[in-house]
Protein backbone atom coordinates (compact mmCIF):
# COMPACT_ATOMS: atom_id res chain seq x y z
CA MET A 1 -12.18 24.09 4.68
CA ALA A 2 -10.24 21.25 6.26
CA GLU A 3 -6.72 21.84 7.55
CA TYR A 4 -4.76 19.63 5.14
CA ARG A 5 -1.67 17.93 6.50
CA ILE A 6 -0.24 17.26 3.03
CA ALA A 7 -0.02 20.12 0.52
CA PRO A 8 -2.96 19.93 -1.93
CA ASP A 9 -0.56 21.01 -4.70
CA LEU A 10 1.48 17.86 -4.15
CA VAL A 11 -1.64 15.68 -4.34
CA ALA A 12 -2.63 17.43 -7.57
CA ALA A 13 0.85 16.97 -9.04
CA GLU A 14 0.89 13.27 -8.18
CA ASN A 15 -2.57 12.89 -9.73
CA ASP A 16 -1.46 14.65 -12.90
CA LYS A 17 1.09 11.86 -13.42
CA ARG A 18 -1.63 9.24 -13.37
CA VAL A 19 -4.84 10.83 -14.63
CA ALA A 20 -4.42 9.89 -18.30
CA ALA A 21 -3.87 6.22 -17.49
CA LEU A 22 -6.81 6.28 -15.09
CA LYS A 23 -9.09 7.78 -17.75
CA SER A 24 -8.14 5.04 -20.18
CA ASP A 25 -8.56 2.27 -17.59
CA TYR A 26 -11.88 3.67 -16.37
CA GLU A 27 -13.31 3.85 -19.88
CA ALA A 28 -12.17 0.30 -20.65
CA LEU A 29 -13.70 -1.05 -17.46
CA GLY A 30 -16.87 0.90 -18.15
CA ALA A 31 -17.20 -0.76 -21.55
CA THR A 32 -16.62 -4.20 -20.05
CA LEU A 33 -19.21 -3.65 -17.34
CA ALA A 34 -21.71 -2.21 -19.81
CA ARG A 35 -21.67 -5.51 -21.69
CA ARG A 36 -22.76 -7.12 -18.42
CA GLY A 37 -25.53 -4.56 -17.97
CA VAL A 38 -23.69 -2.66 -15.24
CA ASP A 39 -23.48 1.15 -15.23
CA ILE A 40 -19.99 2.08 -14.03
CA GLU A 41 -21.12 5.56 -13.05
CA ALA A 42 -23.77 4.15 -10.72
CA VAL A 43 -21.18 1.89 -9.08
CA THR A 44 -18.68 4.74 -8.73
CA LYS A 45 -21.32 6.91 -7.06
CA LYS A 46 -22.16 4.17 -4.55
CA VAL A 47 -18.48 3.58 -3.78
CA SER A 48 -17.86 7.29 -3.27
CA GLU A 49 -20.67 7.35 -0.69
CA PHE A 50 -19.31 4.38 1.28
CA PHE A 51 -17.21 5.32 4.29
CA VAL A 52 -15.33 3.41 6.97
CA ALA A 53 -14.15 4.85 10.29
CA VAL A 54 -10.53 4.60 11.39
CA PRO A 55 -9.49 3.78 14.96
CA SER A 56 -7.48 6.42 16.79
CA TRP A 57 -5.25 3.69 18.23
CA GLY A 58 -4.59 2.26 14.77
CA VAL A 59 -2.19 5.05 13.80
CA GLY A 60 0.24 3.92 16.48
CA THR A 61 2.49 0.87 16.27
CA GLY A 62 0.97 -2.22 17.86
CA GLY A 63 2.66 -5.24 19.29
CA THR A 64 2.21 -8.78 20.54
CA ARG A 65 2.20 -10.44 23.95
CA PHE A 66 5.99 -10.63 23.57
CA ALA A 67 7.16 -7.22 22.48
CA ARG A 68 6.44 -3.95 20.74
CA PHE A 69 8.85 -2.28 18.32
CA PRO A 70 8.00 1.43 18.05
CA GLY A 71 7.88 3.12 14.67
CA SER A 72 9.24 6.55 13.84
CA GLY A 73 7.03 9.59 14.32
CA GLU A 74 4.50 7.81 16.52
CA PRO A 75 1.65 10.00 17.78
CA ARG A 76 2.16 11.31 21.30
CA GLY A 77 -1.54 11.60 22.11
CA ILE A 78 -4.98 12.01 20.65
CA PHE A 79 -4.27 15.27 18.83
CA ASP A 80 -1.31 13.76 16.98
CA LYS A 81 -3.50 10.75 16.24
CA LEU A 82 -6.14 12.99 14.71
CA ASP A 83 -3.49 14.63 12.53
CA ASP A 84 -2.51 11.20 11.20
CA CYS A 85 -6.15 10.20 10.68
CA ALA A 86 -6.68 13.40 8.70
CA VAL A 87 -3.94 12.33 6.27
CA ILE A 88 -5.72 9.04 5.65
CA GLN A 89 -8.97 10.87 4.93
CA GLN A 90 -7.26 13.48 2.76
CA LEU A 91 -5.79 10.83 0.48
CA THR A 92 -8.54 8.20 0.45
CA ARG A 93 -11.71 10.29 0.96
CA ALA A 94 -13.11 7.13 2.52
CA THR A 95 -12.48 7.69 6.25
CA PRO A 96 -14.22 10.87 7.46
CA LYS A 97 -14.73 9.66 11.04
CA VAL A 98 -12.45 8.54 13.86
CA SER A 99 -13.34 6.11 16.64
CA LEU A 100 -11.92 7.04 20.04
CA HIS A 101 -10.83 4.74 22.87
CA ILE A 102 -11.22 5.96 26.44
CA PRO A 103 -9.18 6.50 28.59
CA TRP A 104 -6.39 6.38 25.97
CA ASP A 105 -7.90 9.35 24.10
CA LYS A 106 -9.34 11.27 27.01
CA ALA A 107 -9.03 15.04 26.55
CA ASP A 108 -11.05 18.21 26.88
CA VAL A 109 -14.17 17.60 24.78
CA LYS A 110 -14.24 21.14 23.41
CA GLU A 111 -10.65 20.78 22.21
CA LEU A 112 -11.43 17.38 20.69
CA ARG A 113 -14.39 18.70 18.77
CA ALA A 114 -12.49 21.80 17.64
CA LYS A 115 -9.57 19.69 16.42
CA GLY A 116 -11.91 17.38 14.55
CA ASP A 117 -13.69 20.31 12.93
CA ALA A 118 -10.40 21.90 11.90
CA LEU A 119 -9.28 18.67 10.23
CA GLY A 120 -12.65 17.90 8.66
CA LEU A 121 -13.11 14.82 10.83
CA GLY A 122 -16.13 13.56 12.75
CA PHE A 123 -16.29 11.00 15.53
CA ASP A 124 -17.60 7.46 15.20
CA ALA A 125 -18.47 4.96 17.97
CA MET A 126 -16.89 5.39 21.38
CA ASN A 127 -14.86 2.47 22.74
CA SER A 128 -14.59 1.76 26.45
CA ASN A 129 -11.62 0.04 28.06
CA THR A 130 -12.18 -2.31 30.97
CA PHE A 131 -9.68 -4.88 29.72
CA SER A 132 -6.73 -3.06 31.29
CA ASP A 133 -6.23 -0.91 34.36
CA ALA A 134 -5.99 2.88 34.12
CA PRO A 135 -3.63 4.74 36.45
CA GLY A 136 -5.29 5.52 39.75
CA GLN A 137 -8.42 3.43 39.37
CA ALA A 138 -9.71 1.94 42.59
CA HIS A 139 -10.41 -1.64 41.46
CA SER A 140 -8.37 -3.85 39.14
CA TYR A 141 -9.80 -5.67 36.11
CA LYS A 142 -7.27 -8.48 36.37
CA PHE A 143 -10.09 -10.95 37.08
CA GLY A 144 -12.79 -9.28 35.05
CA SER A 145 -14.84 -6.12 34.80
CA LEU A 146 -18.54 -6.24 33.92
CA SER A 147 -18.69 -9.87 35.07
CA HIS A 148 -16.37 -9.53 38.09
CA VAL A 149 -17.43 -11.27 41.30
CA ASP A 150 -16.95 -7.99 43.18
CA ALA A 151 -19.91 -5.59 42.88
CA ALA A 152 -17.73 -2.51 43.34
CA THR A 153 -15.52 -3.52 40.42
CA ARG A 154 -18.58 -4.06 38.23
CA ALA A 155 -19.97 -0.67 39.25
CA GLN A 156 -16.66 0.98 38.36
CA ALA A 157 -16.76 -0.63 34.90
CA VAL A 158 -20.36 0.46 34.36
CA GLU A 159 -19.51 4.01 35.38
CA HIS A 160 -16.61 4.06 32.93
CA ASN A 161 -18.90 3.07 30.07
CA ILE A 162 -21.37 5.77 31.06
CA GLU A 163 -18.48 8.25 31.06
CA CYS A 164 -17.70 7.17 27.47
CA ILE A 165 -21.30 7.90 26.53
CA GLU A 166 -21.08 11.38 28.03
CA ILE A 167 -17.85 12.13 26.19
CA GLY A 168 -19.40 10.82 22.98
CA LYS A 169 -22.47 13.02 23.36
CA ALA A 170 -20.21 16.06 23.62
CA ILE A 171 -18.26 15.29 20.43
CA GLY A 172 -21.08 14.01 18.22
CA SER A 173 -20.76 10.25 18.50
CA LYS A 174 -23.88 8.10 18.29
CA ALA A 175 -22.73 4.67 19.49
CA LEU A 176 -20.83 2.84 22.21
CA THR A 177 -18.86 -0.33 21.55
CA VAL A 178 -18.35 -2.60 24.54
CA TRP A 179 -15.70 -5.28 24.37
CA ILE A 180 -14.51 -6.99 27.52
CA GLY A 181 -11.62 -9.34 28.13
CA ASP A 182 -13.49 -11.13 30.92
CA GLY A 183 -13.09 -14.89 31.12
CA SER A 184 -11.01 -17.55 32.79
CA ASN A 185 -7.73 -19.37 32.27
CA PHE A 186 -8.44 -22.56 34.25
CA PRO A 187 -11.34 -24.98 34.43
CA GLY A 188 -13.34 -24.29 37.56
CA GLN A 189 -11.98 -20.76 37.94
CA THR A 190 -15.32 -19.19 37.00
CA ASN A 191 -18.96 -20.22 37.23
CA PHE A 192 -20.03 -19.74 33.60
CA THR A 193 -23.67 -19.04 34.35
CA LYS A 194 -23.12 -16.62 37.22
CA ALA A 195 -20.47 -14.70 35.28
CA PHE A 196 -22.86 -14.22 32.34
CA GLU A 197 -25.68 -13.18 34.67
CA ARG A 198 -23.43 -10.53 36.23
CA TYR A 199 -22.39 -9.33 32.79
CA LEU A 200 -25.98 -8.98 31.58
CA ALA A 201 -27.00 -7.08 34.70
CA ALA A 202 -24.11 -4.65 34.23
CA MET A 203 -24.93 -4.18 30.54
CA VAL A 204 -28.53 -3.37 31.47
CA ASP A 205 -27.23 -0.49 33.58
CA ILE A 206 -25.13 0.78 30.66
CA TYR A 207 -28.02 0.38 28.24
CA LYS A 208 -30.25 2.54 30.46
CA ALA A 209 -27.77 5.42 30.08
CA LEU A 210 -27.90 5.38 26.25
CA PRO A 211 -29.53 8.39 24.59
CA ASP A 212 -32.57 7.55 22.47
CA ASP A 213 -30.69 8.05 19.20
CA TRP A 214 -27.66 5.95 20.17
CA ARG A 215 -26.80 2.31 19.55
CA LEU A 216 -24.92 -0.11 21.78
CA PHE A 217 -22.59 -2.60 20.07
CA SER A 218 -21.47 -5.71 21.95
CA GLU A 219 -18.46 -7.48 20.49
CA HIS A 220 -17.64 -11.18 20.75
CA LYS A 221 -14.19 -12.77 20.79
CA MET A 222 -13.46 -16.44 21.22
CA TYR A 223 -10.27 -16.04 23.28
CA GLU A 224 -7.57 -13.70 24.58
CA PRO A 225 -6.74 -12.40 27.10
CA ALA A 226 -8.64 -15.29 28.67
CA PHE A 227 -7.45 -18.60 27.23
CA TYR A 228 -9.88 -21.13 28.71
CA SER A 229 -13.26 -19.39 28.57
CA THR A 230 -14.52 -16.00 27.46
CA VAL A 231 -17.75 -14.42 28.69
CA VAL A 232 -18.79 -13.14 25.24
CA GLN A 233 -17.19 -15.83 23.12
CA ASP A 234 -19.29 -16.15 19.94
CA TRP A 235 -22.03 -14.62 17.81
CA GLY A 236 -24.76 -16.69 19.45
CA THR A 237 -23.94 -15.31 22.87
CA ASN A 238 -23.66 -11.87 21.31
CA TYR A 239 -27.12 -12.24 19.80
CA LEU A 240 -28.56 -13.26 23.17
CA ILE A 241 -27.06 -10.11 24.69
CA ALA A 242 -28.57 -7.85 22.03
CA GLN A 243 -31.97 -9.54 22.33
CA THR A 244 -31.91 -9.26 26.13
CA LEU A 245 -30.95 -5.58 26.21
CA GLY A 246 -33.42 -4.18 23.69
CA PRO A 247 -33.82 -2.48 20.30
CA LYS A 248 -30.83 -0.15 20.65
CA ALA A 249 -28.47 -3.10 21.21
CA HIS A 250 -26.77 -4.79 18.25
CA CYS A 251 -23.96 -7.23 17.53
CA LEU A 252 -20.61 -6.05 16.28
CA VAL A 253 -18.72 -8.51 14.08
CA ASP A 254 -14.93 -8.29 14.21
CA LEU A 255 -13.63 -10.38 11.29
CA GLY A 256 -10.54 -11.41 13.23
CA HIS A 257 -12.37 -12.70 16.30
CA HIS A 258 -13.33 -16.08 14.90
CA ALA A 259 -11.73 -19.47 14.63
CA PRO A 260 -10.07 -20.29 11.29
CA ASN A 261 -12.59 -21.53 8.70
CA THR A 262 -15.58 -20.00 10.50
CA ASN A 263 -18.28 -19.02 8.00
CA ILE A 264 -18.38 -15.34 8.93
CA GLU A 265 -20.53 -14.36 5.95
CA MET A 266 -23.27 -16.71 7.15
CA ILE A 267 -23.10 -15.17 10.63
CA VAL A 268 -23.58 -11.80 8.95
CA ALA A 269 -26.60 -13.11 7.06
CA ARG A 270 -28.19 -14.49 10.23
CA LEU A 271 -27.70 -11.24 12.16
CA ILE A 272 -29.18 -9.26 9.26
CA GLN A 273 -32.14 -11.64 9.08
CA PHE A 274 -33.02 -11.09 12.71
CA GLY A 275 -32.27 -7.36 12.81
CA LYS A 276 -29.25 -7.45 15.10
CA LEU A 277 -26.27 -6.67 12.87
CA GLY A 278 -24.74 -3.53 14.32
CA GLY A 279 -21.58 -3.28 12.28
CA PHE A 280 -18.03 -4.42 11.69
CA HIS A 281 -14.45 -4.15 12.77
CA PHE A 282 -12.57 -4.91 9.56
CA ASN A 283 -9.20 -6.65 9.63
CA ASP A 284 -7.81 -10.05 8.72
CA SER A 285 -6.19 -12.98 10.48
CA LYS A 286 -4.37 -16.20 9.71
CA TYR A 287 -4.53 -18.04 13.01
CA GLY A 288 -6.27 -15.84 15.55
CA ASP A 289 -7.25 -12.32 16.56
CA ASP A 290 -7.16 -9.21 14.40
CA ASP A 291 -3.57 -8.30 13.77
CA LEU A 292 -3.50 -8.06 9.98
CA ASP A 293 -4.64 -5.54 7.37
CA ALA A 294 -8.10 -6.00 5.87
CA GLY A 295 -7.93 -8.25 2.82
CA ALA A 296 -4.34 -9.30 3.52
CA ILE A 297 -5.15 -13.00 3.93
CA GLU A 298 -8.69 -13.67 2.75
CA PRO A 299 -9.87 -11.00 0.34
CA TYR A 300 -12.49 -13.39 -1.08
CA ARG A 301 -14.06 -13.76 2.36
CA LEU A 302 -14.20 -9.98 2.66
CA PHE A 303 -16.00 -9.92 -0.69
CA LEU A 304 -18.44 -12.61 0.49
CA VAL A 305 -19.26 -10.53 3.58
CA PHE A 306 -20.03 -7.58 1.33
CA ASN A 307 -22.06 -9.83 -0.92
CA GLU A 308 -24.43 -10.34 2.02
CA LEU A 309 -24.44 -6.62 2.81
CA VAL A 310 -25.28 -5.61 -0.76
CA ASP A 311 -27.94 -8.30 -0.92
CA ALA A 312 -29.58 -6.84 2.19
CA GLU A 313 -29.22 -3.34 0.80
CA ARG A 314 -30.95 -4.31 -2.44
CA ARG A 315 -33.74 -6.13 -0.60
CA GLY A 316 -34.46 -2.99 1.41
CA VAL A 317 -34.00 -4.59 4.82
CA ASN A 318 -35.68 -2.43 7.43
CA ASP A 319 -33.41 -0.11 9.45
CA PHE A 320 -30.33 -1.53 7.74
CA ASN A 321 -27.47 0.78 8.64
CA PRO A 322 -24.40 -1.18 9.77
CA ALA A 323 -21.43 0.73 11.15
CA HIS A 324 -18.07 0.17 9.48
CA MET A 325 -14.71 0.58 11.17
CA ILE A 326 -11.16 -0.70 10.73
CA ASP A 327 -9.55 -2.31 13.78
CA GLN A 328 -5.98 -3.47 13.17
CA SER A 329 -2.62 -3.77 14.82
CA HIS A 330 0.34 -2.61 12.74
CA ASN A 331 3.57 -4.21 13.86
CA VAL A 332 5.87 -4.05 10.82
CA THR A 333 4.29 -1.44 8.52
CA ASP A 334 3.72 2.29 8.59
CA PRO A 335 0.28 2.40 10.27
CA ILE A 336 -0.93 5.19 7.97
CA GLU A 337 -0.08 3.16 4.89
CA SER A 338 -1.79 0.07 6.28
CA LEU A 339 -4.96 2.01 7.09
CA ILE A 340 -4.95 3.58 3.63
CA SER A 341 -4.60 0.14 2.10
CA SER A 342 -7.33 -1.35 4.26
CA ALA A 343 -9.79 1.44 3.51
CA ASN A 344 -9.24 0.80 -0.19
CA GLU A 345 -9.58 -2.98 0.18
CA ILE A 346 -12.89 -2.56 2.00
CA ARG A 347 -14.19 -0.30 -0.75
CA ARG A 348 -12.90 -2.79 -3.31
CA ALA A 349 -14.96 -5.60 -1.77
CA TYR A 350 -18.00 -3.33 -1.80
CA ALA A 351 -17.50 -2.41 -5.46
CA GLN A 352 -17.09 -6.06 -6.43
CA ALA A 353 -20.27 -6.98 -4.56
CA LEU A 354 -22.13 -4.21 -6.37
CA ILE A 355 -21.38 -5.73 -9.78
CA VAL A 356 -22.64 -9.23 -8.94
CA ASP A 357 -25.37 -10.24 -11.42
CA ARG A 358 -28.09 -10.63 -8.78
CA ASN A 359 -30.77 -11.86 -11.19
CA ALA A 360 -28.52 -14.59 -12.60
CA LEU A 361 -27.41 -15.58 -9.11
CA ALA A 362 -31.01 -15.96 -7.94
CA ASP A 363 -31.88 -18.05 -10.98
CA TYR A 364 -28.92 -20.38 -10.42
CA GLN A 365 -29.78 -20.70 -6.74
CA ASP A 366 -33.41 -21.56 -7.54
CA ALA A 367 -32.21 -24.15 -10.08
CA ASN A 368 -29.74 -25.68 -7.59
CA ASP A 369 -26.95 -24.93 -10.08
CA ALA A 370 -24.12 -24.82 -7.59
CA LEU A 371 -21.34 -24.38 -10.13
CA MET A 372 -22.84 -21.43 -11.97
CA ALA A 373 -23.96 -19.74 -8.77
CA SER A 374 -20.37 -19.91 -7.57
CA GLU A 375 -19.04 -18.72 -10.94
CA THR A 376 -21.40 -15.73 -10.84
CA LEU A 377 -19.80 -14.59 -7.60
CA LYS A 378 -16.30 -15.31 -8.86
CA ARG A 379 -16.91 -13.31 -12.02
CA ALA A 380 -17.60 -10.20 -9.97
CA TYR A 381 -14.72 -10.91 -7.60
CA ARG A 382 -12.21 -11.37 -10.42
CA ALA A 383 -13.06 -7.99 -11.94
CA ASP A 384 -10.34 -5.37 -11.49
CA VAL A 385 -12.37 -2.52 -10.00
CA GLU A 386 -9.32 -0.41 -9.11
CA PRO A 387 -10.25 2.24 -11.73
CA ILE A 388 -13.56 2.75 -9.91
CA LEU A 389 -11.84 3.17 -6.56
CA ALA A 390 -9.25 5.57 -7.97
CA GLU A 391 -11.84 7.63 -9.83
CA ALA A 392 -14.00 7.90 -6.70
CA ARG A 393 -10.97 9.19 -4.80
CA ARG A 394 -9.99 11.62 -7.56
CA ARG A 395 -13.46 13.13 -7.89
CA ALA A 396 -13.63 13.69 -4.14
CA GLY A 397 -10.25 15.45 -4.11
CA GLY A 398 -8.21 12.48 -2.95
CA ALA A 399 -5.22 10.73 -4.45
CA ILE A 400 -5.34 8.40 -7.44
CA ASP A 401 -2.53 6.40 -5.81
CA PRO A 402 -2.76 7.29 -2.11
CA VAL A 403 0.21 5.27 -0.83
CA ALA A 404 2.54 6.61 -3.51
CA THR A 405 1.33 10.15 -2.82
CA TYR A 406 1.79 9.68 0.92
CA ARG A 407 5.36 8.52 0.40
CA ALA A 408 6.08 11.39 -1.96
CA SER A 409 4.87 13.86 0.67
CA GLY A 410 7.49 12.82 3.21
CA TYR A 411 4.86 13.08 5.95
CA ARG A 412 6.37 10.32 8.09
CA ARG A 413 9.80 11.89 7.94
CA LYS A 414 8.38 15.29 8.92
CA VAL A 415 6.43 14.04 11.95
CA ALA A 416 9.38 11.91 13.04
CA ALA A 417 11.39 15.13 13.32
CA GLU A 418 8.64 16.75 15.40
CA ARG A 419 7.69 13.87 17.68
CA PRO A 420 10.10 12.36 20.23
CA ALA A 421 11.08 8.76 19.56
CA SER A 422 8.99 6.25 21.44
CA VAL A 423 10.75 3.91 23.84
CA ALA A 424 10.40 0.22 23.03
CA GLY A 425 8.54 -1.82 25.58
CA GLY A 426 9.57 -5.25 26.80
CA GLY A 427 6.20 -6.81 26.21
CA GLY A 428 2.51 -6.26 25.78
CA ILE A 429 0.51 -4.56 23.08
CA ILE A 430 -0.27 -0.86 22.75
C-alpha cells in the first residue's frame, strides 16, 4: 500500500461532490460516441493504461536567464521531490514513475528505492547533467562536454553518464537520456565537423556501457545555452546519432525544442517510420524552449502528435514503445498543479486521438479530399473527453477534479510550514 500524502478520505469526499455529475456526463458522452461507432469503455480502458513520467526537477520552481522567484514549500532535495511527485500520482493516477537528474538527485540508491517503494513510485529514464558544473569536478563544461576539445573533459563527461547508468540499474530504470548544451556562440569558435566527431566518439563509449535491456535517448535542441551553433541541433542530426550508435539508441523529441511553426508531428511520423522514435518530453512553447505547461499554447499540435502515435499503435509498428515524460519549467504557478494539469492534457490528446474515425480518414486521404480529412481530425479534437479522463482517474482511486482536490487538501500550505523558505537567486534557472 502506497504511503499517501493526502488523506484518502478527503479525496473520497471531494469525489462524492462530483460523482453524480460525472456519471451523467459520462453516459451522455458514451451515447454520443456510440453513434460514431466508438465504445467509450474501450477508450476509457486505454486511457487508464496510458502513463507519463514526471521529472523530479519539475516540482521545484524554475526560472529564466534573468531571475528565479522561489515558491513556498519548495522541495529541499530528492526525498521531498518524491513526496511531491507522489501527490501528483495519487490524484491523477497517470504518473507512476519519476525521472531523476544526476547529480541534482544523487543519494544512496537503497534509500531512493525504498522511498519510491513506500510512495508507490517507480523510476523512469535517468538524466545526466554535463551542461553545468558540479561542485568539485575537475574539468569545467563551460566550453562543452562530450564534444569538448580537451580529451580529459570528454572522459569526465562519459564517466558521469556511465555513473548515471549504474545508479539507474540500482533503482530499476531502463533508459538514459543524454542532452548536452555543447555548441558555440561565435562564428569560427568551433569546427563543426570535429566537434560532432568528438561527440559521436564519446557517445559510443557511453553506448558500450548500456545494459542489454536499456535504451539510450539522445535529445536535440536548436539553441541555448549556445546561441550560434548547437552540436545536436535538430532531428536529422539526432537520427544520424541513433543510426550510428546502434539498435539501443533512439531519438527523444522534446516538443519545446523546435523553431516556431516546425511540423513536429511529421518529425514524429518519420522517426516512427524508420524505427528511431524513443520518446517524448512533453511541454509547450510560444517562442522558444520548453518553459510552458503541455497544451498551454498549442493543444491541437499535441493532439496531432498523438494522432501519429495512435496510428502507429493501430498499425502494429514493430517494437513500438515510446517513452513519455513531462519536462517543464514552472515560474509563476504551483509546480504540482502544473504537472497535474499537464498529465491530464497529455491523456486528453491521447483520448481524442483514439476516437478519430480511422477508416473515414483513410478513405478521404485516398480520395484526396483535403477538407473532409481535416474535418475528421477536427471532429475528434473538438470532442469533450473530460468525462473519460475523470472516470479513468476515479476508477483507479484518483480524484475526479485533481486540482480542486489538491487545493482542498492544503498540501502546499502544510509543506511550506515544514520546509525552509528558499532564497531567491539573482539569475539563472534551477
